[in-house]
Amino acid sequence: MYADPQKRVLTAEEAELIREKLGLNQPVYVQYFKWLATSLQGNLGYSYKTKAPVLDEILARLPNTLLLAGSAIFLTLLLGIPIGAISALRRYSLVDYFFTILSFIGISMPGFWLAFILITVFSTRLGWLPPVGMRSYGQSLGSIQEIIDVGKHLVMPMLAMAVVEIAYWARYQRSSLLEVLGQDYIRTARAKGLKERIVVWKHAFRNSLIPMITLVGLTLPDLVNGSYIIETVFGWPGLGRMGVQSILIRDYPVVMGVTMLSALLVVVGNLLADFLYIFVDPRIQQN
């Protein structure tokens, strides 16, 4: 294939044959529409590096990214909404000020910087958690030890991805609940003598979640796109790390495949938000 195996330099004829085989000698718009047509049929092309189908490469790493992003979303919902609700109910108290300061710190903290801090503290100095990878060598598949091992590898990248989202959710939940608590029907419920617990959790809290659902459509693609940096820092074998590696070696079919999947997740996230609107507010379904 190479004219000079020592220098590994292609001849002009060989380079032209490769360009013709890959379709790179055609106009850009022709290349794009050909790629789009084949992609809609499930054929995302072949990796320049591994020669394997791009779809197979994506499907092999998609579960790892979904595990990381799903864990980060779960942690975000578990902490972000309660923190925001407590901060709203204790408005202008020390608890509110404490959570507000933490939220602003979390929002302003870059994910990659937090990732390095976590590795420095919990891996380098304390030695509690493994710094990189998804599992240790020598673990038998499907064993309890492997599950625990994957969990240890998951903790730090999950935290690095979730901290910013938790801060955003806490701030939005606080604002949303405070707005609902100031509505006329809440004052009417209190005037009727209902217990504060019923007023807050039965009437105010559920309605405060309706504006929050919009964040669901944004959080899923944000976490997947944010995984490009986090997975690279922690060596997590997911789509984000594969995307960065593909960009560095100019493996364009893989880059296009990962980018297309990221765009698809934006659509899925917004569709999920629409379904959650119906679940939280039955009036939407009736209309």
C-alpha atoms as a PDB file:
ATOM      1  CA  MET A   1       0.000   0.000   0.000  1.00  0.00           C
ATOM      2  CA  TYR A   2       2.867   2.377   0.803  1.00  0.00           C
ATOM      3  CA  ALA A   3       5.480   3.350  -1.761  1.00  0.00           C
ATOM      4  CA  ASP A   4       8.221   3.421   0.859  1.00  0.00           C
ATOM      5  CA  PRO A   5       7.535   1.200   3.921  1.00  0.00           C
ATOM      6  CA  GLN A   6      10.322   2.920   5.860  1.00  0.00           C
ATOM      7  CA  LYS A   7       8.870   6.414   5.491  1.00  0.00           C
ATOM      8  CA  ARG A   8       5.242   5.205   5.086  1.00  0.00           C
ATOM      9  CA  VAL A   9       4.467   7.858   2.472  1.00  0.00           C
ATOM     10  CA  LEU A  10       1.555   7.331   0.105  1.00  0.00           C
ATOM     11  CA  THR A  11       1.935   7.929  -3.596  1.00  0.00           C
ATOM     12  CA  ALA A  12      -0.462  10.323  -5.287  1.00  0.00           C
ATOM     13  CA  GLU A  13      -2.243   7.427  -7.022  1.00  0.00           C
ATOM     14  CA  GLU A  14      -2.738   5.527  -3.770  1.00  0.00           C
ATOM     15  CA  ALA A  15      -4.008   8.632  -2.006  1.00  0.00           C
ATOM     16  CA  GLU A  16      -6.506   9.240  -4.797  1.00  0.00           C
ATOM     17  CA  LEU A  17      -7.714   5.622  -4.625  1.00  0.00           C
ATOM     18  CA  ILE A  18      -8.346   5.994  -0.887  1.00  0.00           C
ATOM     19  CA  ARG A  19     -10.173   9.289  -1.422  1.00  0.00           C
ATOM     20  CA  GLU A  20     -12.341   7.666  -4.078  1.00  0.00           C
ATOM     21  CA  LYS A  21     -13.062   4.644  -1.877  1.00  0.00           C
ATOM     22  CA  LEU A  22     -14.107   6.878   1.032  1.00  0.00           C
ATOM     23  CA  GLY A  23     -16.052   9.255  -1.207  1.00  0.00           C
ATOM     24  CA  LEU A  24     -13.869  12.195  -0.229  1.00  0.00           C
ATOM     25  CA  ASN A  25     -13.435  13.268  -3.857  1.00  0.00           C
ATOM     26  CA  GLN A  26     -17.108  14.248  -4.062  1.00  0.00           C
ATOM     27  CA  PRO A  27     -18.568  17.666  -3.133  1.00  0.00           C
ATOM     28  CA  VAL A  28     -19.250  18.180   0.570  1.00  0.00           C
ATOM     29  CA  TYR A  29     -23.028  18.386   0.160  1.00  0.00           C
ATOM     30  CA  VAL A  30     -23.033  15.086  -1.766  1.00  0.00           C
ATOM     31  CA  GLN A  31     -20.988  13.444   0.990  1.00  0.00           C
ATOM     32  CA  TYR A  32     -23.381  14.776   3.623  1.00  0.00           C
ATOM     33  CA  PHE A  33     -26.594  13.608   1.983  1.00  0.00           C
ATOM     34  CA  LYS A  34     -25.090  10.194   1.273  1.00  0.00           C
ATOM     35  CA  TRP A  35     -24.101   9.922   4.940  1.00  0.00           C
ATOM     36  CA  LEU A  36     -27.571  11.065   6.037  1.00  0.00           C
ATOM     37  CA  ALA A  37     -29.312   8.550   3.787  1.00  0.00           C
ATOM     38  CA  THR A  38     -27.236   5.633   5.036  1.00  0.00           C
ATOM     39  CA  SER A  39     -27.491   6.827   8.673  1.00  0.00           C
ATOM     40  CA  LEU A  40     -31.292   6.782   8.532  1.00  0.00           C
ATOM     41  CA  GLN A  41     -30.974   3.124   7.510  1.00  0.00           C
ATOM     42  CA  GLY A  42     -28.825   2.368  10.566  1.00  0.00           C
ATOM     43  CA  ASN A  43     -25.499   2.425   8.724  1.00  0.00           C
ATOM     44  CA  LEU A  44     -23.225   5.061  10.273  1.00  0.00           C
ATOM     45  CA  GLY A  45     -20.210   3.981   8.272  1.00  0.00           C
ATOM     46  CA  TYR A  46     -16.972   2.370   9.411  1.00  0.00           C
ATOM     47  CA  SER A  47     -14.294   3.604  11.770  1.00  0.00           C
ATOM     48  CA  TYR A  48     -11.064   4.662  10.077  1.00  0.00           C
ATOM     49  CA  LYS A  49      -9.083   3.239  12.989  1.00  0.00           C
ATOM     50  CA  THR A  50     -10.731  -0.091  13.834  1.00  0.00           C
ATOM     51  CA  LYS A  51     -12.528  -0.705  10.493  1.00  0.00           C
ATOM     52  CA  ALA A  52     -15.529  -1.796  12.591  1.00  0.00           C
ATOM     53  CA  PRO A  53     -19.051  -0.442  11.995  1.00  0.00           C
ATOM     54  CA  VAL A  54     -19.569   2.842  13.846  1.00  0.00           C
ATOM     55  CA  LEU A  55     -22.938   1.656  15.143  1.00  0.00           C
ATOM     56  CA  ASP A  56     -21.275  -1.349  16.795  1.00  0.00           C
ATOM     57  CA  GLU A  57     -18.657   0.934  18.348  1.00  0.00           C
ATOM     58  CA  ILE A  58     -21.383   3.185  19.750  1.00  0.00           C
ATOM     59  CA  LEU A  59     -23.550   0.348  21.052  1.00  0.00           C
ATOM     60  CA  ALA A  60     -20.541  -1.205  22.797  1.00  0.00           C
ATOM     61  CA  ARG A  61     -19.912   1.970  24.808  1.00  0.00           C
ATOM     62  CA  LEU A  62     -23.448   3.334  25.139  1.00  0.00           C
ATOM     63  CA  PRO A  63     -24.308   1.260  28.273  1.00  0.00           C
ATOM     64  CA  ASN A  64     -21.255   2.660  30.070  1.00  0.00           C
ATOM     65  CA  THR A  65     -22.260   6.246  29.325  1.00  0.00           C
ATOM     66  CA  LEU A  66     -25.895   5.573  30.269  1.00  0.00           C
ATOM     67  CA  LEU A  67     -24.733   4.073  33.570  1.00  0.00           C
ATOM     68  CA  LEU A  68     -22.674   7.166  34.353  1.00  0.00           C
ATOM     69  CA  ALA A  69     -25.273   9.694  33.167  1.00  0.00           C
ATOM     70  CA  GLY A  70     -28.159   7.788  34.765  1.00  0.00           C
ATOM     71  CA  SER A  71     -26.372   7.676  38.110  1.00  0.00           C
ATOM     72  CA  ALA A  72     -25.648  11.401  37.892  1.00  0.00           C
ATOM     73  CA  ILE A  73     -29.318  12.151  37.094  1.00  0.00           C
ATOM     74  CA  PHE A  74     -30.480   9.988  40.003  1.00  0.00           C
ATOM     75  CA  LEU A  75     -28.117  11.788  42.392  1.00  0.00           C
ATOM     76  CA  THR A  76     -29.234  15.148  40.992  1.00  0.00           C
ATOM     77  CA  LEU A  77     -32.909  14.415  41.635  1.00  0.00           C
ATOM     78  CA  LEU A  78     -32.166  12.844  45.014  1.00  0.00           C
ATOM     79  CA  LEU A  79     -30.331  15.915  46.315  1.00  0.00           C
ATOM     80  CA  GLY A  80     -31.227  18.886  44.117  1.00  0.00           C
ATOM     81  CA  ILE A  81     -35.012  18.939  44.651  1.00  0.00           C
ATOM     82  CA  PRO A  82     -34.952  18.392  48.458  1.00  0.00           C
ATOM     83  CA  ILE A  83     -32.196  20.988  48.929  1.00  0.00           C
ATOM     84  CA  GLY A  84     -34.168  23.537  46.912  1.00  0.00           C
ATOM     85  CA  ALA A  85     -37.387  22.761  48.789  1.00  0.00           C
ATOM     86  CA  ILE A  86     -35.732  23.044  52.213  1.00  0.00           C
ATOM     87  CA  SER A  87     -34.059  26.279  51.183  1.00  0.00           C
ATOM     88  CA  ALA A  88     -37.425  27.734  50.095  1.00  0.00           C
ATOM     89  CA  LEU A  89     -39.239  26.643  53.252  1.00  0.00           C
ATOM     90  CA  ARG A  90     -36.438  28.092  55.423  1.00  0.00           C
ATOM     91  CA  ARG A  91     -36.169  31.293  53.418  1.00  0.00           C
ATOM     92  CA  TYR A  92     -33.546  33.766  54.700  1.00  0.00           C
ATOM     93  CA  SER A  93     -32.491  31.396  57.462  1.00  0.00           C
ATOM     94  CA  LEU A  94     -28.976  30.105  58.074  1.00  0.00           C
ATOM     95  CA  VAL A  95     -29.932  26.878  56.312  1.00  0.00           C
ATOM     96  CA  ASP A  96     -31.056  28.858  53.259  1.00  0.00           C
ATOM     97  CA  TYR A  97     -27.867  30.914  53.213  1.00  0.00           C
ATOM     98  CA  PHE A  98     -25.744  27.777  53.622  1.00  0.00           C
ATOM     99  CA  PHE A  99     -27.404  25.961  50.688  1.00  0.00           C
ATOM    100  CA  THR A 100     -27.324  29.145  48.597  1.00  0.00           C
ATOM    101  CA  ILE A 101     -23.572  29.508  49.066  1.00  0.00           C
ATOM    102  CA  LEU A 102     -23.032  25.830  48.228  1.00  0.00           C
ATOM    103  CA  SER A 103     -25.217  26.184  45.127  1.00  0.00           C
ATOM    104  CA  PHE A 104     -23.273  29.177  43.835  1.00  0.00           C
ATOM    105  CA  ILE A 105     -19.995  27.341  44.433  1.00  0.00           C
ATOM    106  CA  GLY A 106     -21.332  24.301  42.585  1.00  0.00           C
ATOM    107  CA  ILE A 107     -22.572  26.353  39.632  1.00  0.00           C
ATOM    108  CA  SER A 108     -19.244  28.167  39.261  1.00  0.00           C
ATOM    109  CA  MET A 109     -17.108  25.024  39.612  1.00  0.00           C
ATOM    110  CA  PRO A 110     -15.812  23.550  36.307  1.00  0.00           C
ATOM    111  CA  GLY A 111     -16.401  19.814  36.058  1.00  0.00           C
ATOM    112  CA  PHE A 112     -12.850  18.984  34.975  1.00  0.00           C
ATOM    113  CA  TRP A 113     -11.391  20.980  37.899  1.00  0.00           C
ATOM    114  CA  LEU A 114     -13.624  19.140  40.365  1.00  0.00           C
ATOM    115  CA  ALA A 115     -12.593  15.857  38.738  1.00  0.00           C
ATOM    116  CA  PHE A 116      -8.907  16.559  39.375  1.00  0.00           C
ATOM    117  CA  ILE A 117      -9.653  17.613  42.966  1.00  0.00           C
ATOM    118  CA  LEU A 118     -11.544  14.364  43.591  1.00  0.00           C
ATOM    119  CA  ILE A 119      -8.714  12.283  42.141  1.00  0.00           C
ATOM    120  CA  THR A 120      -6.131  14.170  44.200  1.00  0.00           C
ATOM    121  CA  VAL A 121      -8.043  13.791  47.478  1.00  0.00           C
ATOM    122  CA  PHE A 122      -9.725  10.394  47.288  1.00  0.00           C
ATOM    123  CA  SER A 123      -7.226   8.504  45.106  1.00  0.00           C
ATOM    124  CA  THR A 124      -3.787  10.042  45.467  1.00  0.00           C
ATOM    125  CA  ARG A 125      -3.869  11.056  49.142  1.00  0.00           C
ATOM    126  CA  LEU A 126      -6.500   8.877  50.806  1.00  0.00           C
ATOM    127  CA  GLY A 127      -6.380   5.913  48.429  1.00  0.00           C
ATOM    128  CA  TRP A 128     -10.073   5.185  48.925  1.00  0.00           C
ATOM    129  CA  LEU A 129     -11.208   5.118  45.289  1.00  0.00           C
ATOM    130  CA  PRO A 130      -9.578   4.055  42.004  1.00  0.00           C
ATOM    131  CA  PRO A 131      -8.557   7.057  39.870  1.00  0.00           C
ATOM    132  CA  VAL A 132      -9.329   5.824  36.344  1.00  0.00           C
ATOM    133  CA  GLY A 133     -11.169   3.167  34.403  1.00  0.00           C
ATOM    134  CA  MET A 134     -14.457   1.379  34.940  1.00  0.00           C
ATOM    135  CA  ARG A 135     -13.301  -1.839  36.576  1.00  0.00           C
ATOM    136  CA  SER A 136     -10.122  -3.381  37.941  1.00  0.00           C
ATOM    137  CA  TYR A 137      -8.303  -6.177  36.198  1.00  0.00           C
ATOM    138  CA  GLY A 138      -8.984  -9.732  37.275  1.00  0.00           C
ATOM    139  CA  GLN A 139     -12.615  -9.300  38.321  1.00  0.00           C
ATOM    140  CA  SER A 140     -14.925 -12.135  37.267  1.00  0.00           C
ATOM    141  CA  LEU A 141     -17.888 -10.935  35.227  1.00  0.00           C
ATOM    142  CA  GLY A 142     -21.218 -10.874  37.003  1.00  0.00           C
ATOM    143  CA  SER A 143     -19.805 -11.359  40.478  1.00  0.00           C
ATOM    144  CA  ILE A 144     -20.668  -9.283  43.530  1.00  0.00           C
ATOM    145  CA  GLN A 145     -17.053  -8.158  43.678  1.00  0.00           C
ATOM    146  CA  GLU A 146     -17.315  -6.782  40.140  1.00  0.00           C
ATOM    147  CA  ILE A 147     -20.456  -4.807  40.984  1.00  0.00           C
ATOM    148  CA  ILE A 148     -18.733  -3.306  44.019  1.00  0.00           C
ATOM    149  CA  ASP A 149     -15.632  -2.591  41.953  1.00  0.00           C
ATOM    150  CA  VAL A 150     -17.622  -0.809  39.222  1.00  0.00           C
ATOM    151  CA  GLY A 151     -19.420   1.149  41.946  1.00  0.00           C
ATOM    152  CA  LYS A 152     -16.105   2.361  43.362  1.00  0.00           C
ATOM    153  CA  HIS A 153     -14.962   3.456  39.897  1.00  0.00           C
ATOM    154  CA  LEU A 154     -18.325   5.192  39.362  1.00  0.00           C
ATOM    155  CA  VAL A 155     -18.369   7.393  42.470  1.00  0.00           C
ATOM    156  CA  MET A 156     -15.963  10.153  41.429  1.00  0.00           C
ATOM    157  CA  PRO A 157     -17.054  10.655  37.785  1.00  0.00           C
ATOM    158  CA  MET A 158     -20.679  10.595  38.937  1.00  0.00           C
ATOM    159  CA  LEU A 159     -19.967  13.324  41.505  1.00  0.00           C
ATOM    160  CA  ALA A 160     -17.997  15.386  38.989  1.00  0.00           C
ATOM    161  CA  MET A 161     -20.954  15.315  36.590  1.00  0.00           C
ATOM    162  CA  ALA A 162     -23.731  15.769  39.163  1.00  0.00           C
ATOM    163  CA  VAL A 163     -22.448  18.620  41.350  1.00  0.00           C
ATOM    164  CA  VAL A 164     -23.206  21.400  38.844  1.00  0.00           C
ATOM    165  CA  GLU A 165     -26.613  19.901  38.002  1.00  0.00           C
ATOM    166  CA  ILE A 166     -27.506  19.578  41.699  1.00  0.00           C
ATOM    167  CA  ALA A 167     -26.685  23.260  42.198  1.00  0.00           C
ATOM    168  CA  TYR A 168     -28.851  24.307  39.244  1.00  0.00           C
ATOM    169  CA  TRP A 169     -31.773  22.115  40.312  1.00  0.00           C
ATOM    170  CA  ALA A 170     -31.599  23.397  43.884  1.00  0.00           C
ATOM    171  CA  ARG A 171     -31.733  27.031  42.756  1.00  0.00           C
ATOM    172  CA  TYR A 172     -34.587  26.442  40.315  1.00  0.00           C
ATOM    173  CA  GLN A 173     -36.567  24.389  42.847  1.00  0.00           C
ATOM    174  CA  ARG A 174     -36.168  27.100  45.473  1.00  0.00           C
ATOM    175  CA  SER A 175     -37.405  29.799  43.095  1.00  0.00           C
ATOM    176  CA  SER A 176     -40.264  27.664  41.793  1.00  0.00           C
ATOM    177  CA  LEU A 177     -41.528  26.683  45.251  1.00  0.00           C
ATOM    178  CA  LEU A 178     -41.315  30.259  46.547  1.00  0.00           C
ATOM    179  CA  GLU A 179     -43.349  31.445  43.570  1.00  0.00           C
ATOM    180  CA  VAL A 180     -46.034  28.811  44.197  1.00  0.00           C
ATOM    181  CA  LEU A 181     -46.169  29.581  47.932  1.00  0.00           C
ATOM    182  CA  GLY A 182     -47.034  33.171  47.053  1.00  0.00           C
ATOM    183  CA  GLN A 183     -50.054  32.222  44.932  1.00  0.00           C
ATOM    184  CA  ASP A 184     -53.619  33.085  45.968  1.00  0.00           C
ATOM    185  CA  TYR A 185     -54.809  29.481  46.234  1.00  0.00           C
ATOM    186  CA  ILE A 186     -52.065  28.759  48.781  1.00  0.00           C
ATOM    187  CA  ARG A 187     -53.206  31.675  50.909  1.00  0.00           C
ATOM    188  CA  THR A 188     -56.792  30.415  50.544  1.00  0.00           C
ATOM    189  CA  ALA A 189     -55.773  26.927  51.682  1.00  0.00           C
ATOM    190  CA  ARG A 190     -54.073  28.394  54.740  1.00  0.00           C
ATOM    191  CA  ALA A 191     -57.086  30.581  55.467  1.00  0.00           C
ATOM    192  CA  LYS A 192     -59.273  27.470  55.508  1.00  0.00           C
ATOM    193  CA  GLY A 193     -57.212  26.167  58.377  1.00  0.00           C
ATOM    194  CA  LEU A 194     -55.357  23.384  56.557  1.00  0.00           C
ATOM    195  CA  LYS A 195     -52.208  22.162  58.231  1.00  0.00           C
ATOM    196  CA  GLU A 196     -49.018  23.673  56.889  1.00  0.00           C
ATOM    197  CA  ARG A 197     -47.715  20.218  56.011  1.00  0.00           C
ATOM    198  CA  ILE A 198     -50.726  19.551  53.766  1.00  0.00           C
ATOM    199  CA  VAL A 199     -50.549  23.012  52.200  1.00  0.00           C
ATOM    200  CA  VAL A 200     -46.878  22.637  51.341  1.00  0.00           C
ATOM    201  CA  TRP A 201     -46.611  19.023  50.227  1.00  0.00           C
ATOM    202  CA  LYS A 202     -50.058  18.427  48.726  1.00  0.00           C
ATOM    203  CA  HIS A 203     -50.739  21.762  47.063  1.00  0.00           C
ATOM    204  CA  ALA A 204     -47.509  23.726  46.679  1.00  0.00           C
ATOM    205  CA  PHE A 205     -44.746  21.166  46.171  1.00  0.00           C
ATOM    206  CA  ARG A 206     -46.351  19.222  43.303  1.00  0.00           C
ATOM    207  CA  ASN A 207     -47.212  22.400  41.408  1.00  0.00           C
ATOM    208  CA  SER A 208     -43.674  23.673  41.911  1.00  0.00           C
ATOM    209  CA  LEU A 209     -42.378  20.642  40.022  1.00  0.00           C
ATOM    210  CA  ILE A 210     -44.156  21.620  36.793  1.00  0.00           C
ATOM    211  CA  PRO A 211     -41.619  24.324  35.768  1.00  0.00           C
ATOM    212  CA  MET A 212     -38.810  22.007  36.919  1.00  0.00           C
ATOM    213  CA  ILE A 213     -39.709  19.409  34.305  1.00  0.00           C
ATOM    214  CA  THR A 214     -38.248  21.697  31.655  1.00  0.00           C
ATOM    215  CA  LEU A 215     -34.844  20.993  33.207  1.00  0.00           C
ATOM    216  CA  VAL A 216     -35.277  17.278  32.516  1.00  0.00           C
ATOM    217  CA  GLY A 217     -35.143  17.950  28.793  1.00  0.00           C
ATOM    218  CA  LEU A 218     -31.896  19.877  29.285  1.00  0.00           C
ATOM    219  CA  THR A 219     -30.189  17.722  31.912  1.00  0.00           C
ATOM    220  CA  LEU A 220     -29.976  14.482  29.889  1.00  0.00           C
ATOM    221  CA  PRO A 221     -28.135  15.943  26.859  1.00  0.00           C
ATOM    222  CA  ASP A 222     -26.062  18.178  29.155  1.00  0.00           C
ATOM    223  CA  LEU A 223     -24.806  15.182  31.119  1.00  0.00           C
ATOM    224  CA  VAL A 224     -24.036  13.164  27.978  1.00  0.00           C
ATOM    225  CA  ASN A 225     -22.229  16.099  26.366  1.00  0.00           C
ATOM    226  CA  GLY A 226     -20.436  16.800  29.635  1.00  0.00           C
ATOM    227  CA  SER A 227     -19.230  13.218  29.670  1.00  0.00           C
ATOM    228  CA  TYR A 228     -16.726  14.109  26.922  1.00  0.00           C
ATOM    229  CA  ILE A 229     -14.504  15.805  29.505  1.00  0.00           C
ATOM    230  CA  ILE A 230     -15.353  13.722  32.568  1.00  0.00           C
ATOM    231  CA  GLU A 231     -14.932  10.363  30.832  1.00  0.00           C
ATOM    232  CA  THR A 232     -11.617  11.507  29.390  1.00  0.00           C
ATOM    233  CA  VAL A 233     -10.281  12.633  32.781  1.00  0.00           C
ATOM    234  CA  PHE A 234     -11.356   9.429  34.545  1.00  0.00           C
ATOM    235  CA  GLY A 235     -10.637   7.085  31.626  1.00  0.00           C
ATOM    236  CA  TRP A 236     -14.265   5.918  31.658  1.00  0.00           C
ATOM    237  CA  PRO A 237     -14.856   3.745  28.541  1.00  0.00           C
ATOM    238  CA  GLY A 238     -17.953   5.523  27.263  1.00  0.00           C
ATOM    239  CA  LEU A 239     -19.123   7.543  24.283  1.00  0.00           C
ATOM    240  CA  GLY A 240     -17.579  10.773  25.544  1.00  0.00           C
ATOM    241  CA  ARG A 241     -14.078   9.356  25.744  1.00  0.00           C
ATOM    242  CA  MET A 242     -14.511   7.622  22.387  1.00  0.00           C
ATOM    243  CA  GLY A 243     -15.656  10.924  20.872  1.00  0.00           C
ATOM    244  CA  VAL A 244     -12.576  12.787  22.151  1.00  0.00           C
ATOM    245  CA  GLN A 245     -10.228  10.059  20.948  1.00  0.00           C
ATOM    246  CA  SER A 246     -11.923  10.063  17.545  1.00  0.00           C
ATOM    247  CA  ILE A 247     -11.538  13.830  17.252  1.00  0.00           C
ATOM    248  CA  LEU A 248      -7.824  13.621  18.063  1.00  0.00           C
ATOM    249  CA  ILE A 249      -7.155  10.995  15.379  1.00  0.00           C
ATOM    250  CA  ARG A 250      -9.687  12.504  12.926  1.00  0.00           C
ATOM    251  CA  ASP A 251     -11.864   9.417  12.813  1.00  0.00           C
ATOM    252  CA  TYR A 252     -14.706  11.366  11.219  1.00  0.00           C
ATOM    253  CA  PRO A 253     -17.323   8.599  10.884  1.00  0.00           C
ATOM    254  CA  VAL A 254     -17.165   7.962  14.645  1.00  0.00           C
ATOM    255  CA  VAL A 255     -17.269  11.708  15.380  1.00  0.00           C
ATOM    256  CA  MET A 256     -20.369  12.083  13.205  1.00  0.00           C
ATOM    257  CA  GLY A 257     -22.018   9.067  14.826  1.00  0.00           C
ATOM    258  CA  VAL A 258     -21.449  10.320  18.373  1.00  0.00           C
ATOM    259  CA  THR A 259     -22.587  13.826  17.415  1.00  0.00           C
ATOM    260  CA  MET A 260     -25.752  12.435  15.851  1.00  0.00           C
ATOM    261  CA  LEU A 261     -26.480  10.460  19.017  1.00  0.00           C
ATOM    262  CA  SER A 262     -26.014  13.601  21.142  1.00  0.00           C
ATOM    263  CA  ALA A 263     -28.544  15.433  18.965  1.00  0.00           C
ATOM    264  CA  LEU A 264     -30.937  12.499  19.306  1.00  0.00           C
ATOM    265  CA  LEU A 265     -30.665  12.682  23.100  1.00  0.00           C
ATOM    266  CA  VAL A 266     -31.817  16.315  22.982  1.00  0.00           C
ATOM    267  CA  VAL A 267     -34.990  15.159  21.225  1.00  0.00           C
ATOM    268  CA  VAL A 268     -35.453  12.257  23.663  1.00  0.00           C
ATOM    269  CA  GLY A 269     -34.953  14.567  26.635  1.00  0.00           C
ATOM    270  CA  ASN A 270     -37.624  16.993  25.444  1.00  0.00           C
ATOM    271  CA  LEU A 271     -40.005  14.122  24.652  1.00  0.00           C
ATOM    272  CA  LEU A 272     -39.465  12.740  28.150  1.00  0.00           C
ATOM    273  CA  ALA A 273     -40.223  16.174  29.586  1.00  0.00           C
ATOM    274  CA  ASP A 274     -43.539  16.262  27.699  1.00  0.00           C
ATOM    275  CA  PHE A 275     -44.575  12.911  29.183  1.00  0.00           C
ATOM    276  CA  LEU A 276     -43.602  14.056  32.668  1.00  0.00           C
ATOM    277  CA  TYR A 277     -45.762  17.154  32.263  1.00  0.00           C
ATOM    278  CA  ILE A 278     -48.772  14.861  31.808  1.00  0.00           C
ATOM    279  CA  PHE A 279     -47.804  12.810  34.861  1.00  0.00           C
ATOM    280  CA  VAL A 280     -47.341  15.791  37.167  1.00  0.00           C
ATOM    281  CA  ASP A 281     -50.226  17.925  35.854  1.00  0.00           C
ATOM    282  CA  PRO A 282     -53.267  15.814  34.805  1.00  0.00           C
ATOM    283  CA  ARG A 283     -54.941  18.959  33.423  1.00  0.00           C
ATOM    284  CA  ILE A 284     -52.627  18.780  30.417  1.00  0.00           C
ATOM    285  CA  GLN A 285     -53.917  15.304  29.579  1.00  0.00           C
ATOM    286  CA  GLN A 286     -57.521  16.452  29.890  1.00  0.00           C
ATOM    287  CA  ASN A 287     -56.918  19.307  27.487  1.00  0.00           C
END
